[in-house]
Protein backbone atom coordinates (compact mmCIF):
# COMPACT_ATOMS: atom_id res chain seq x y z
CA MET A 1 15.34 10.69 2.39
CA LYS A 2 11.57 10.49 2.09
CA SER A 3 11.67 7.86 -0.66
CA GLN A 4 13.81 5.61 1.52
CA ASP A 5 11.37 6.03 4.39
CA MET A 6 8.44 4.78 2.32
CA LEU A 7 10.21 2.14 0.19
CA LEU A 8 12.00 0.47 3.09
CA GLY A 9 8.83 0.88 5.15
CA ILE A 10 6.88 -1.08 2.55
CA ALA A 11 9.45 -3.81 1.95
CA VAL A 12 10.31 -4.60 5.57
CA ALA A 13 6.65 -4.87 6.55
CA ASP A 14 5.87 -6.96 3.48
CA ALA A 15 8.71 -9.35 4.36
CA LEU A 16 7.41 -9.70 7.92
CA GLY A 17 4.04 -10.77 6.55
CA VAL A 18 5.16 -13.17 3.80
CA PRO A 19 5.89 -16.21 6.01
CA VAL A 20 2.44 -16.11 7.62
CA GLU A 21 0.25 -15.08 4.68
CA PHE A 22 -3.14 -16.83 4.89
CA ASN A 23 -2.64 -17.70 8.57
CA SER A 24 -5.72 -17.07 10.67
CA ARG A 25 -5.90 -14.33 13.26
CA ALA A 26 -6.47 -16.94 15.95
CA SER A 27 -3.27 -18.76 15.05
CA LEU A 28 -1.29 -15.51 15.23
CA VAL A 29 -2.85 -14.59 18.56
CA ALA A 30 -1.56 -17.93 19.81
CA ARG A 31 1.87 -17.47 18.21
CA PRO A 32 2.32 -13.83 17.19
CA VAL A 33 5.00 -12.64 14.80
CA THR A 34 7.60 -10.62 16.71
CA ASN A 35 10.54 -10.76 14.31
CA MET A 36 11.50 -11.82 10.81
CA ARG A 37 10.67 -15.47 10.15
CA GLU A 38 11.87 -17.76 7.38
CA PHE A 39 10.05 -20.24 5.13
CA GLY A 40 6.40 -20.51 6.18
CA SER A 41 3.60 -19.91 3.66
CA HIS A 42 5.78 -19.39 0.60
CA HIS A 43 8.92 -21.22 1.75
CA GLN A 44 11.12 -18.15 1.35
CA PRO A 45 14.20 -17.07 3.31
CA ALA A 46 13.77 -14.40 5.98
CA GLY A 47 13.58 -10.87 4.58
CA THR A 48 11.86 -11.85 1.33
CA TRP A 49 9.23 -9.41 0.13
CA SER A 50 6.39 -10.18 -2.27
CA ASP A 51 4.45 -8.74 -5.20
CA ASP A 52 3.36 -5.82 -3.03
CA SER A 53 6.87 -4.41 -2.89
CA SER A 54 7.83 -5.59 -6.38
CA LEU A 55 5.04 -3.63 -8.04
CA ALA A 56 5.66 -0.59 -5.84
CA PHE A 57 9.30 -0.69 -6.92
CA CYS A 58 8.30 -1.07 -10.57
CA LEU A 59 6.21 2.07 -10.22
CA ALA A 60 8.99 3.92 -8.41
CA GLU A 61 11.55 2.92 -11.05
CA SER A 62 9.27 4.14 -13.82
CA LEU A 63 8.61 7.43 -12.03
CA CYS A 64 12.35 8.08 -11.89
CA LEU A 65 12.03 8.69 -15.63
CA GLY A 66 8.76 10.63 -15.39
CA TYR A 67 5.08 9.77 -15.50
CA ASP A 68 4.43 7.26 -18.31
CA LEU A 69 1.66 4.67 -18.03
CA ASN A 70 3.06 2.61 -20.88
CA ASP A 71 6.42 2.41 -19.16
CA GLN A 72 4.74 1.41 -15.90
CA ALA A 73 2.85 -1.29 -17.79
CA LYS A 74 6.03 -2.64 -19.38
CA ARG A 75 7.69 -2.90 -15.98
CA PHE A 76 4.69 -4.75 -14.54
CA VAL A 77 4.90 -7.21 -17.44
CA ALA A 78 8.65 -7.62 -16.93
CA TRP A 79 8.04 -8.41 -13.26
CA ARG A 80 5.41 -11.05 -14.03
CA ASN A 81 7.25 -12.67 -16.94
CA GLU A 82 10.92 -12.13 -16.06
CA ALA A 83 10.92 -11.57 -12.27
CA TYR A 84 12.08 -7.96 -12.74
CA TRP A 85 12.24 -6.23 -9.34
CA SER A 86 11.55 -9.48 -7.53
CA ALA A 87 13.20 -10.16 -4.19
CA ARG A 88 15.15 -13.26 -5.20
CA GLY A 89 14.64 -13.79 -8.93
CA LYS A 90 11.30 -15.54 -8.62
CA VAL A 91 7.65 -14.45 -8.65
CA PHE A 92 5.95 -16.55 -5.98
CA ASP A 93 2.81 -14.53 -5.26
CA ILE A 94 0.42 -12.77 -7.64
CA GLY A 95 -3.22 -11.87 -7.20
CA ILE A 96 -5.86 -13.17 -9.62
CA ALA A 97 -6.98 -9.70 -10.76
CA THR A 98 -3.42 -8.44 -11.07
CA ASN A 99 -2.39 -11.51 -13.04
CA ALA A 100 -5.28 -11.05 -15.48
CA ALA A 101 -4.60 -7.33 -15.91
CA VAL A 102 -0.87 -7.77 -16.46
CA ALA A 103 -1.60 -10.52 -19.00
CA GLU A 104 -3.76 -7.97 -20.83
CA LEU A 105 -0.94 -5.45 -20.65
CA ALA A 106 1.43 -8.07 -22.08
CA ARG A 107 -0.91 -8.43 -25.05
CA GLY A 108 -0.58 -4.70 -25.69
CA GLY A 109 -3.82 -3.64 -24.03
CA ASN A 110 -4.52 -0.02 -23.15
CA PRO A 111 -3.11 0.52 -19.64
CA ILE A 112 -6.10 2.57 -18.52
CA LEU A 113 -8.48 -0.22 -19.55
CA ALA A 114 -6.49 -3.26 -18.39
CA GLY A 115 -7.80 -3.48 -14.82
CA GLY A 116 -11.12 -5.06 -13.94
CA ARG A 117 -14.11 -2.74 -13.49
CA ASP A 118 -16.69 -5.02 -11.89
CA GLU A 119 -17.62 -4.70 -8.22
CA GLY A 120 -15.91 -8.03 -7.61
CA ASP A 121 -12.63 -6.58 -8.86
CA ASN A 122 -11.93 -4.61 -5.69
CA GLY A 123 -9.01 -6.49 -4.26
CA ASN A 124 -6.09 -4.57 -2.77
CA GLY A 125 -3.71 -5.08 -5.71
CA SER A 126 -3.52 -1.43 -6.73
CA LEU A 127 -3.55 -0.03 -3.18
CA MET A 128 -0.52 -2.12 -2.24
CA ARG A 129 1.71 -0.55 -4.92
CA MET A 130 0.40 3.02 -4.98
CA LEU A 131 2.52 4.84 -2.40
CA PRO A 132 5.54 5.82 -4.58
CA LEU A 133 3.16 7.85 -6.74
CA ILE A 134 3.06 10.54 -4.03
CA ALA A 135 6.50 11.68 -5.16
CA TYR A 136 4.95 12.72 -8.46
CA LEU A 137 1.62 13.90 -7.03
CA LYS A 138 2.89 16.20 -4.31
CA ASP A 139 2.97 19.41 -6.37
CA LEU A 140 -0.23 18.82 -8.38
CA PRO A 141 -3.70 20.26 -7.63
CA ILE A 142 -6.21 17.87 -6.13
CA GLY A 143 -8.14 17.24 -9.34
CA ASP A 144 -4.98 16.23 -11.17
CA ARG A 145 -3.94 14.04 -8.25
CA PHE A 146 -7.23 12.18 -8.46
CA GLY A 147 -6.87 11.73 -12.21
CA LYS A 148 -3.38 10.27 -11.94
CA VAL A 149 -4.35 7.94 -9.09
CA ARG A 150 -7.27 6.73 -11.19
CA GLU A 151 -4.99 6.02 -14.15
CA VAL A 152 -2.34 4.20 -12.13
CA SER A 153 -4.89 2.12 -10.23
CA SER A 154 -6.61 1.20 -13.48
CA LEU A 155 -3.58 -0.69 -14.76
CA THR A 156 -4.81 -3.52 -12.55
CA HIS A 157 -7.94 -2.30 -10.72
CA GLY A 158 -10.29 0.05 -12.53
CA HIS A 159 -13.43 0.06 -10.36
CA ILE A 160 -14.12 3.43 -8.75
CA ARG A 161 -14.00 1.87 -5.26
CA SER A 162 -10.39 0.84 -5.76
CA VAL A 163 -9.62 4.29 -7.15
CA ILE A 164 -11.19 6.01 -4.13
CA ALA A 165 -9.27 3.76 -1.73
CA CYS A 166 -5.99 4.56 -3.48
CA PHE A 167 -6.83 8.26 -3.51
CA LEU A 168 -7.63 8.36 0.20
CA TYR A 169 -4.40 6.49 0.91
CA THR A 170 -2.22 8.80 -1.17
CA GLU A 171 -3.92 11.93 0.16
CA PHE A 172 -3.33 10.76 3.74
CA ALA A 173 0.28 9.92 2.86
CA LEU A 174 0.85 13.31 1.25
CA ARG A 175 -0.13 14.95 4.53
CA LEU A 176 2.36 12.78 6.41
CA LEU A 177 4.96 13.71 3.81
CA ALA A 178 4.23 17.37 4.51
CA GLY A 179 4.85 16.84 8.23
CA TYR A 180 1.27 16.53 9.48
CA LEU A 181 0.40 14.30 12.42
CA PRO A 182 -1.92 11.37 11.58
CA GLY A 183 -4.84 13.05 13.37
CA ALA A 184 -4.53 16.14 11.19
CA ALA A 185 -4.18 13.95 8.10
CA ILE A 186 -7.39 12.06 8.83
CA ARG A 187 -9.23 15.31 9.46
CA TYR A 188 -8.05 16.51 6.05
CA LEU A 189 -9.58 13.40 4.48
CA ARG A 190 -12.87 14.13 6.23
CA THR A 191 -13.06 17.74 5.10
CA GLU A 192 -11.30 18.83 1.92
CA VAL A 193 -10.91 15.39 0.37
CA LEU A 194 -14.46 14.35 1.21
CA ASP A 195 -15.78 17.62 -0.24
CA PHE A 196 -13.84 16.98 -3.44
CA LEU A 197 -15.04 13.40 -3.78
CA SER A 198 -18.64 14.28 -2.96
CA ALA A 199 -18.67 16.74 -5.84
CA HIS A 200 -16.93 14.41 -8.31
CA PRO A 201 -19.27 12.88 -10.92
CA LEU A 202 -17.58 9.47 -10.73
CA CYS A 203 -17.93 9.13 -6.96
CA ALA A 204 -21.47 8.14 -6.06
CA LYS A 205 -22.64 8.61 -2.49
CA SER A 206 -23.12 4.84 -2.24
CA GLU A 207 -19.42 4.36 -3.00
CA LEU A 208 -18.25 6.94 -0.49
CA GLU A 209 -20.38 5.25 2.16
CA LYS A 210 -18.25 2.12 1.72
CA PHE A 211 -15.53 4.14 3.45
CA HIS A 212 -17.67 5.16 6.41
CA ARG A 213 -15.09 4.16 9.03
CA VAL A 214 -12.40 6.26 7.40
CA LEU A 215 -14.54 9.24 6.39
CA PHE A 216 -17.47 9.53 8.77
CA LEU A 217 -17.03 7.89 12.18
CA PRO A 218 -15.73 10.05 15.05
CA ILE A 219 -12.08 10.03 16.03
CA GLY A 220 -11.39 8.65 19.47
CA PRO A 221 -9.29 10.22 22.24
CA TYR A 222 -6.02 8.83 20.87
CA GLU A 223 -6.91 9.83 17.31
CA GLN A 224 -8.19 6.34 16.64
CA ILE A 225 -10.11 5.71 13.45
CA ALA A 226 -13.32 5.30 15.42
CA VAL A 227 -14.46 4.49 18.94
CA GLU A 228 -16.22 1.36 17.72
CA ASP A 229 -12.95 0.08 16.27
CA GLU A 230 -11.11 -0.08 19.57
CA VAL A 231 -11.78 -3.81 19.36
CA ALA A 232 -9.44 -5.33 16.77
CA ASP A 233 -11.95 -8.03 15.91
CA ARG A 234 -13.98 -5.39 14.08
CA ILE A 235 -11.08 -4.68 11.72
CA HIS A 236 -10.87 -7.09 8.83
CA SER A 237 -7.63 -8.07 7.11
CA SER A 238 -8.83 -9.77 3.96
CA GLY A 239 -7.76 -8.86 0.44
CA TYR A 240 -10.71 -6.47 -0.01
CA VAL A 241 -9.40 -2.99 -0.75
CA VAL A 242 -11.64 -1.18 1.74
CA SER A 243 -10.67 -3.56 4.53
CA THR A 244 -6.97 -3.16 3.78
CA LEU A 245 -7.21 0.63 3.86
CA GLU A 246 -9.16 0.56 7.13
CA ALA A 247 -6.77 -1.92 8.70
CA SER A 248 -3.65 0.02 7.72
CA LEU A 249 -4.96 3.26 9.18
CA TRP A 250 -6.21 1.48 12.29
CA CYS A 251 -2.78 -0.06 12.87
CA LEU A 252 -1.08 3.31 12.48
CA PHE A 253 -3.45 5.04 14.90
CA GLN A 254 -3.39 2.25 17.50
CA THR A 255 0.40 2.23 17.88
CA ALA A 256 3.29 4.59 18.53
CA SER A 257 6.20 3.18 16.50
CA TYR A 258 7.00 1.67 13.13
CA LYS A 259 7.73 -1.69 14.75
CA ASP A 260 4.43 -1.87 16.62
CA ALA A 261 2.38 -0.63 13.66
CA VAL A 262 3.63 -3.27 11.24
CA LEU A 263 3.59 -6.13 13.77
CA THR A 264 0.01 -5.20 14.63
CA ALA A 265 -0.81 -5.38 10.92
CA VAL A 266 0.85 -8.76 10.41
CA ASN A 267 -0.82 -10.26 13.45
CA LEU A 268 -4.28 -9.38 12.17
CA GLY A 269 -3.81 -12.46 9.98
CA ASN A 270 -5.07 -13.47 6.53
CA ASP A 271 -3.58 -11.10 3.91
CA THR A 272 -0.67 -10.40 6.20
CA ASP A 273 1.91 -9.21 3.68
CA THR A 274 -0.34 -6.66 1.99
CA THR A 275 -1.93 -5.30 5.17
CA ALA A 276 1.57 -4.90 6.58
CA ALA A 277 3.02 -3.36 3.40
CA VAL A 278 0.25 -0.76 3.18
CA THR A 279 0.68 0.02 6.87
CA GLY A 280 4.46 -0.02 6.60
CA GLY A 281 4.55 2.60 3.89
CA LEU A 282 2.63 5.04 6.07
CA ALA A 283 4.59 4.15 9.22
CA GLY A 284 7.85 4.56 7.32
CA LEU A 285 6.82 8.03 6.18
CA PHE A 286 5.73 9.05 9.66
CA TYR A 287 8.49 7.55 11.79
CA GLY A 288 11.31 7.46 9.23
CA ALA A 289 13.54 4.63 8.02
CA ALA A 290 15.80 5.15 11.04
CA SER A 291 12.99 3.77 13.21
CA ILE A 292 12.99 0.39 11.44
CA PRO A 293 14.75 -2.23 13.59
CA ALA A 294 18.26 -2.85 12.34
CA GLU A 295 17.91 -6.62 12.63
CA TRP A 296 15.03 -6.48 10.15
CA LEU A 297 16.96 -4.35 7.69
CA ASP A 298 19.98 -6.64 8.00
CA VAL A 299 18.11 -9.57 6.43
CA LEU A 300 16.01 -7.59 3.93
CA ALA A 301 16.43 -8.88 0.40
CA ARG A 302 18.08 -6.38 -1.98
CA ARG A 303 18.31 -3.71 0.68
CA GLU A 304 21.02 -1.77 -1.15
CA ASP A 305 19.07 -1.93 -4.41
CA ILE A 306 16.03 -0.47 -2.63
CA ILE A 307 18.15 2.30 -1.12
CA GLY A 308 19.56 3.03 -4.58
CA LEU A 309 16.08 3.22 -6.06
CA ALA A 310 15.02 5.58 -3.27
CA GLY A 311 17.98 7.80 -4.05
CA ARG A 312 16.98 8.01 -7.72
CA LEU A 313 13.39 8.84 -6.80
CA ASP A 314 14.53 11.50 -4.35
CA LYS A 315 16.84 13.03 -6.95
CA ARG A 316 13.95 13.35 -9.36
CA TYR A 317 11.26 14.71 -7.03
CA PHE A 318 12.63 15.89 -3.68
């Protein structure tokens, strides 16, 4: 079940990161996360996932009925205002840009115009929830895929940099979904996807250059993102969308299992839940839900609800 692979992959990784969100990399080097923890940054029980998973699940639930931006918007509002698709009936984490955009959606704003469009509006709040869209995108031509990613990102993040990050992420994920190895998926980004973006009128060369590590630097001997990035200190784990995309791919390429990929992401520090969730979605697709440690799944909030949602998404698209 491909939907289960990605949805459980997101939620488990998110839950691993929640207790140590905002912790520094140095503190996690000294005391690394190796298993599910409880309480911590948000004082939540072990297995509690955050807004990253909630908004991904809102998108997935909407897609079960088809592609409808207004329905997606309503579900985002219901999450913010009524804790819909929250882990334990409470919203305890919401980004500034996402909060502002969802407030605009609650006022009846146009979904495509709700997200911020300034350069400073390039947090990772659309990237973190984007992965379920691949179920809908998988049979569309590349131009239509870009258009839909742009629309869905723009509900909360409308700047072209956020759109490009989400597009690179979903295009990479679609290759994993099709059975490609990560090395082949990254080469696809650097050829066909780069050619498409370079010719697109919205994608200035200066914007594509922001993604130089993903798109331009050489792949190392173990299909690493780049030789220069063999040192983890050069990978940032802030809330900036480009950094989150780089970090998630770096974690996937540096490791050889779901467990190691998501723990590597968490232990980068700072925006631990989102870096892990974005990594976890890819690792779940590549390694499968069966690779997720059982002890992590055992404590995951609303595990059966997530599995049910995955079944509905699979029934619709797979």
